[in-house]
Amino acid sequence: MMDALQRRDLAEIFSQIGNVFEQVLSPGSEIFAIRDRLLTLGAGTACMSGSGSAVYGLFTQESEARAAAEELQKVYAQTWLVESV
């Protein structure tokens, strides 16, 4: 991961992101539905945060992130579009 970060290789960075706690969830968990929806909407990767309080998607294009947030807000009121620092 450090090498990918230094090279700014987003594809490699995205492929390394995951959460081992996802392994204990049932396959029908809403966490997976949200994650899969983010991926369908253009996220380079999507993952459950920590112990599952949130699901996030990482996008390379702001326009795709904005459109995904607008789409998810139709179903999930607590959807936010944020920019990393």
N, C-alpha and C. Protein backbone atom coordinates (compact mmCIF):
# COMPACT_ATOMS: atom_id res chain seq x y z
N MET A 1 0.83 -1.18 0.00
CA MET A 1 0.00 0.00 0.00
C MET A 1 0.88 1.25 0.00
N MET A 2 1.94 1.24 0.77
CA MET A 2 2.81 2.43 0.81
C MET A 2 3.39 2.73 -0.56
N ASP A 3 3.83 1.68 -1.27
CA ASP A 3 4.36 1.90 -2.62
C ASP A 3 3.29 2.49 -3.54
N ALA A 4 2.08 1.96 -3.45
CA ALA A 4 0.98 2.46 -4.29
C ALA A 4 0.66 3.91 -3.95
N LEU A 5 0.69 4.25 -2.68
CA LEU A 5 0.45 5.64 -2.27
C LEU A 5 1.53 6.56 -2.81
N GLN A 6 2.78 6.12 -2.72
CA GLN A 6 3.88 6.94 -3.22
C GLN A 6 3.81 7.13 -4.73
N ARG A 7 3.35 6.10 -5.44
CA ARG A 7 3.22 6.18 -6.90
C ARG A 7 1.90 6.83 -7.32
N ARG A 8 1.02 7.07 -6.34
CA ARG A 8 -0.33 7.61 -6.63
C ARG A 8 -1.08 6.72 -7.60
N ASP A 9 -0.92 5.42 -7.39
CA ASP A 9 -1.55 4.41 -8.23
C ASP A 9 -2.93 4.09 -7.66
N LEU A 10 -3.95 4.82 -8.13
CA LEU A 10 -5.29 4.68 -7.57
C LEU A 10 -5.85 3.28 -7.73
N ALA A 11 -5.60 2.64 -8.86
CA ALA A 11 -6.12 1.29 -9.07
C ALA A 11 -5.57 0.34 -8.01
N GLU A 12 -4.29 0.43 -7.73
CA GLU A 12 -3.67 -0.43 -6.72
C GLU A 12 -4.17 -0.07 -5.32
N ILE A 13 -4.27 1.21 -5.04
CA ILE A 13 -4.79 1.65 -3.74
C ILE A 13 -6.20 1.11 -3.54
N PHE A 14 -7.06 1.29 -4.54
CA PHE A 14 -8.44 0.81 -4.44
C PHE A 14 -8.49 -0.69 -4.21
N SER A 15 -7.60 -1.43 -4.86
CA SER A 15 -7.62 -2.90 -4.73
C SER A 15 -7.19 -3.36 -3.34
N GLN A 16 -6.49 -2.51 -2.60
CA GLN A 16 -5.99 -2.88 -1.27
C GLN A 16 -6.96 -2.53 -0.14
N ILE A 17 -8.00 -1.77 -0.44
CA ILE A 17 -8.91 -1.31 0.60
C ILE A 17 -9.93 -2.40 0.91
N GLY A 18 -10.14 -2.66 2.18
CA GLY A 18 -11.11 -3.67 2.59
C GLY A 18 -11.34 -3.59 4.09
N ASN A 19 -12.25 -4.38 4.57
CA ASN A 19 -12.57 -4.42 5.99
C ASN A 19 -12.84 -5.87 6.37
N VAL A 20 -12.02 -6.44 7.24
CA VAL A 20 -12.18 -7.84 7.62
C VAL A 20 -13.50 -8.11 8.34
N PHE A 21 -14.10 -7.09 8.93
CA PHE A 21 -15.38 -7.29 9.60
C PHE A 21 -16.49 -7.64 8.61
N GLU A 22 -16.32 -7.31 7.34
CA GLU A 22 -17.33 -7.67 6.35
C GLU A 22 -17.49 -9.18 6.26
N GLN A 23 -16.46 -9.93 6.62
CA GLN A 23 -16.49 -11.39 6.53
C GLN A 23 -17.51 -12.02 7.47
N VAL A 24 -17.88 -11.32 8.54
CA VAL A 24 -18.80 -11.90 9.51
C VAL A 24 -20.25 -11.49 9.26
N LEU A 25 -20.49 -10.67 8.27
CA LEU A 25 -21.85 -10.24 7.94
C LEU A 25 -22.55 -11.29 7.08
N SER A 26 -23.85 -11.36 7.20
CA SER A 26 -24.60 -12.27 6.33
C SER A 26 -24.56 -11.71 4.91
N PRO A 27 -24.59 -12.58 3.92
CA PRO A 27 -24.51 -12.12 2.53
C PRO A 27 -25.63 -11.14 2.15
N GLY A 28 -26.75 -11.20 2.82
CA GLY A 28 -27.86 -10.31 2.52
C GLY A 28 -27.83 -8.99 3.27
N SER A 29 -26.73 -8.69 3.94
CA SER A 29 -26.63 -7.47 4.74
C SER A 29 -26.80 -6.23 3.87
N GLU A 30 -27.48 -5.24 4.41
CA GLU A 30 -27.67 -3.98 3.69
C GLU A 30 -26.33 -3.29 3.43
N ILE A 31 -25.35 -3.57 4.26
CA ILE A 31 -24.00 -3.03 4.03
C ILE A 31 -23.55 -3.37 2.62
N PHE A 32 -23.73 -4.63 2.21
CA PHE A 32 -23.30 -5.06 0.88
C PHE A 32 -24.15 -4.42 -0.22
N ALA A 33 -25.42 -4.23 0.05
CA ALA A 33 -26.28 -3.58 -0.94
C ALA A 33 -25.82 -2.15 -1.20
N ILE A 34 -25.48 -1.44 -0.13
CA ILE A 34 -25.00 -0.07 -0.27
C ILE A 34 -23.65 -0.05 -0.97
N ARG A 35 -22.76 -0.93 -0.55
CA ARG A 35 -21.43 -1.01 -1.17
C ARG A 35 -21.55 -1.29 -2.66
N ASP A 36 -22.38 -2.26 -3.01
CA ASP A 36 -22.53 -2.61 -4.42
C ASP A 36 -23.16 -1.47 -5.21
N ARG A 37 -24.08 -0.75 -4.59
CA ARG A 37 -24.71 0.39 -5.27
C ARG A 37 -23.67 1.48 -5.54
N LEU A 38 -22.80 1.75 -4.56
CA LEU A 38 -21.73 2.73 -4.77
C LEU A 38 -20.83 2.32 -5.94
N LEU A 39 -20.50 1.05 -6.01
CA LEU A 39 -19.66 0.57 -7.10
C LEU A 39 -20.37 0.73 -8.44
N THR A 40 -21.66 0.40 -8.47
CA THR A 40 -22.44 0.55 -9.68
C THR A 40 -22.51 2.02 -10.12
N LEU A 41 -22.53 2.91 -9.13
CA LEU A 41 -22.63 4.35 -9.42
C LEU A 41 -21.28 4.98 -9.75
N GLY A 42 -20.22 4.17 -9.82
CA GLY A 42 -18.94 4.69 -10.29
C GLY A 42 -17.81 4.79 -9.29
N ALA A 43 -18.03 4.34 -8.06
CA ALA A 43 -16.93 4.38 -7.08
C ALA A 43 -15.81 3.45 -7.53
N GLY A 44 -14.58 3.89 -7.33
CA GLY A 44 -13.42 3.04 -7.62
C GLY A 44 -13.32 1.91 -6.63
N THR A 45 -13.79 2.16 -5.43
CA THR A 45 -13.89 1.14 -4.39
C THR A 45 -14.94 1.62 -3.39
N ALA A 46 -15.47 0.69 -2.63
CA ALA A 46 -16.44 1.01 -1.59
C ALA A 46 -16.26 -0.01 -0.48
N CYS A 47 -16.49 0.43 0.74
CA CYS A 47 -16.17 -0.43 1.88
C CYS A 47 -16.95 0.01 3.11
N MET A 48 -17.17 -0.94 3.99
CA MET A 48 -17.74 -0.63 5.30
C MET A 48 -16.64 0.01 6.14
N SER A 49 -16.99 1.05 6.88
CA SER A 49 -16.00 1.68 7.76
C SER A 49 -15.98 0.97 9.11
N GLY A 50 -14.84 0.92 9.71
CA GLY A 50 -14.71 0.39 11.07
C GLY A 50 -15.53 -0.84 11.33
N SER A 51 -16.42 -0.76 12.34
CA SER A 51 -17.27 -1.90 12.67
C SER A 51 -18.65 -1.79 12.03
N GLY A 52 -18.80 -0.92 11.05
CA GLY A 52 -20.02 -0.90 10.26
C GLY A 52 -20.94 0.27 10.47
N SER A 53 -20.44 1.35 11.04
CA SER A 53 -21.31 2.50 11.26
C SER A 53 -21.59 3.27 9.98
N ALA A 54 -20.79 3.01 8.95
CA ALA A 54 -20.96 3.72 7.68
C ALA A 54 -20.41 2.87 6.54
N VAL A 55 -20.82 3.22 5.34
CA VAL A 55 -20.26 2.65 4.12
C VAL A 55 -19.81 3.84 3.29
N TYR A 56 -18.62 3.76 2.73
CA TYR A 56 -18.12 4.87 1.94
C TYR A 56 -17.67 4.39 0.57
N GLY A 57 -17.68 5.30 -0.37
CA GLY A 57 -17.16 5.03 -1.70
C GLY A 57 -16.12 6.08 -2.02
N LEU A 58 -15.09 5.67 -2.74
CA LEU A 58 -14.05 6.59 -3.19
C LEU A 58 -14.18 6.75 -4.69
N PHE A 59 -14.24 7.99 -5.13
CA PHE A 59 -14.44 8.32 -6.53
C PHE A 59 -13.26 9.13 -7.05
N THR A 60 -12.97 8.97 -8.32
CA THR A 60 -11.91 9.77 -8.94
C THR A 60 -12.46 11.02 -9.59
N GLN A 61 -13.77 11.04 -9.86
CA GLN A 61 -14.40 12.19 -10.50
C GLN A 61 -15.46 12.78 -9.57
N GLU A 62 -15.34 14.06 -9.30
CA GLU A 62 -16.31 14.72 -8.42
C GLU A 62 -17.72 14.63 -8.97
N SER A 63 -17.87 14.74 -10.28
CA SER A 63 -19.21 14.69 -10.87
C SER A 63 -19.88 13.34 -10.61
N GLU A 64 -19.12 12.25 -10.68
CA GLU A 64 -19.67 10.93 -10.37
C GLU A 64 -20.02 10.81 -8.90
N ALA A 65 -19.18 11.35 -8.04
CA ALA A 65 -19.44 11.30 -6.60
C ALA A 65 -20.70 12.09 -6.27
N ARG A 66 -20.83 13.24 -6.87
CA ARG A 66 -22.00 14.08 -6.63
C ARG A 66 -23.28 13.37 -7.10
N ALA A 67 -23.23 12.78 -8.28
CA ALA A 67 -24.40 12.06 -8.81
C ALA A 67 -24.74 10.86 -7.94
N ALA A 68 -23.72 10.15 -7.46
CA ALA A 68 -23.96 8.99 -6.59
C ALA A 68 -24.59 9.43 -5.28
N ALA A 69 -24.10 10.51 -4.70
CA ALA A 69 -24.66 11.01 -3.44
C ALA A 69 -26.12 11.39 -3.63
N GLU A 70 -26.43 12.06 -4.73
CA GLU A 70 -27.81 12.46 -5.00
C GLU A 70 -28.71 11.24 -5.14
N GLU A 71 -28.20 10.21 -5.80
CA GLU A 71 -28.98 8.99 -5.99
C GLU A 71 -29.20 8.27 -4.65
N LEU A 72 -28.16 8.14 -3.86
CA LEU A 72 -28.29 7.45 -2.58
C LEU A 72 -29.15 8.22 -1.58
N GLN A 73 -29.14 9.54 -1.67
CA GLN A 73 -29.96 10.34 -0.76
C GLN A 73 -31.45 10.09 -0.95
N LYS A 74 -31.83 9.56 -2.08
CA LYS A 74 -33.23 9.22 -2.32
C LYS A 74 -33.69 8.09 -1.40
N VAL A 75 -32.77 7.22 -1.02
CA VAL A 75 -33.09 6.07 -0.18
C VAL A 75 -32.52 6.23 1.23
N TYR A 76 -31.34 6.81 1.33
CA TYR A 76 -30.64 6.95 2.61
C TYR A 76 -30.44 8.43 2.91
N ALA A 77 -31.29 8.95 3.79
CA ALA A 77 -31.26 10.39 4.10
C ALA A 77 -29.90 10.82 4.64
N GLN A 78 -29.24 9.95 5.35
CA GLN A 78 -27.94 10.30 5.94
C GLN A 78 -26.80 9.93 4.98
N THR A 79 -26.85 10.53 3.81
CA THR A 79 -25.81 10.37 2.80
C THR A 79 -25.12 11.72 2.64
N TRP A 80 -23.79 11.71 2.68
CA TRP A 80 -23.04 12.95 2.56
C TRP A 80 -21.97 12.82 1.50
N LEU A 81 -21.77 13.91 0.80
CA LEU A 81 -20.66 14.03 -0.14
C LEU A 81 -19.58 14.84 0.56
N VAL A 82 -18.41 14.24 0.71
CA VAL A 82 -17.32 14.93 1.39
C VAL A 82 -16.05 14.82 0.55
N GLU A 83 -15.12 15.70 0.84
CA GLU A 83 -13.83 15.69 0.15
C GLU A 83 -12.76 15.36 1.18
N SER A 84 -11.85 14.48 0.80
CA SER A 84 -10.76 14.15 1.72
C SER A 84 -9.80 15.33 1.84
N VAL A 85 -9.07 15.34 2.92
CA VAL A 85 -8.11 16.43 3.14
C VAL A 85 -6.69 15.92 3.06
